[in-house]
Amino acid sequence: MNSHGGGWFPVLGGSCCSIMGLIPWHNLLQTVVLAIVGTLVSYLLTRLLQGRKK
């Protein structure tokens, strides 16, 4: 069995797993939620203003 023929997949997988341990998931979740809320508010405000324009 050749131990050097694995390719890049094991390297990328190990790198991703080690980086995932360093990410503060609480902050990431908060950022995602705030981005969704901001997008919805922007969309609704745009629709509201377009409706008043007509």
Protein backbone atom coordinates (compact mmCIF):
# COMPACT_ATOMS: atom_id res chain seq x y z
CA MET A 1 0.00 0.00 0.00
CA ASN A 2 1.41 3.35 -1.03
CA SER A 3 1.11 5.93 1.74
CA HIS A 4 2.06 8.84 -0.53
CA GLY A 5 -0.64 8.40 -3.20
CA GLY A 6 -3.56 10.01 -1.37
CA GLY A 7 -3.62 13.23 -3.35
CA TRP A 8 -4.82 16.59 -2.09
CA PHE A 9 -8.09 15.44 -0.53
CA PRO A 10 -6.56 14.32 2.80
CA VAL A 11 -4.52 17.52 3.00
CA LEU A 12 -7.56 19.72 2.37
CA GLY A 13 -9.72 17.69 4.73
CA GLY A 14 -7.19 17.93 7.53
CA SER A 15 -6.75 21.66 6.95
CA CYS A 16 -10.51 22.26 7.02
CA CYS A 17 -10.92 20.26 10.21
CA SER A 18 -8.13 22.15 11.95
CA ILE A 19 -9.51 25.53 10.85
CA MET A 20 -13.02 24.59 12.01
CA GLY A 21 -11.67 24.19 15.53
CA LEU A 22 -10.43 27.78 15.51
CA ILE A 23 -13.65 29.48 14.33
CA PRO A 24 -15.77 31.04 17.07
CA TRP A 25 -19.11 29.53 15.99
CA HIS A 26 -21.16 31.87 18.19
CA ASN A 27 -19.85 34.89 16.30
CA LEU A 28 -20.34 33.21 12.94
CA LEU A 29 -23.95 32.31 13.75
CA GLN A 30 -24.65 35.85 14.95
CA THR A 31 -23.18 37.27 11.72
CA VAL A 32 -25.31 34.98 9.56
CA VAL A 33 -28.50 35.89 11.46
CA LEU A 34 -27.75 39.61 11.22
CA ALA A 35 -27.03 39.32 7.49
CA ILE A 36 -30.37 37.58 6.92
CA VAL A 37 -32.26 40.19 8.96
CA GLY A 38 -30.50 43.02 7.13
CA THR A 39 -31.32 41.49 3.76
CA LEU A 40 -34.99 41.06 4.66
CA VAL A 41 -35.30 44.63 5.97
CA SER A 42 -33.63 46.01 2.86
CA TYR A 43 -35.89 43.98 0.57
CA LEU A 44 -39.08 44.91 2.42
CA LEU A 45 -38.16 48.59 2.57
CA THR A 46 -37.40 48.62 -1.16
CA ARG A 47 -40.77 46.99 -1.93
CA LEU A 48 -42.55 49.46 0.36
CA LEU A 49 -40.92 52.47 -1.27
CA GLN A 50 -41.63 51.15 -4.77
CA GLY A 51 -45.27 50.66 -3.81
CA ARG A 52 -45.57 54.27 -2.60
CA LYS A 53 -43.95 55.54 -5.80
CA LYS A 54 -46.66 54.07 -8.06
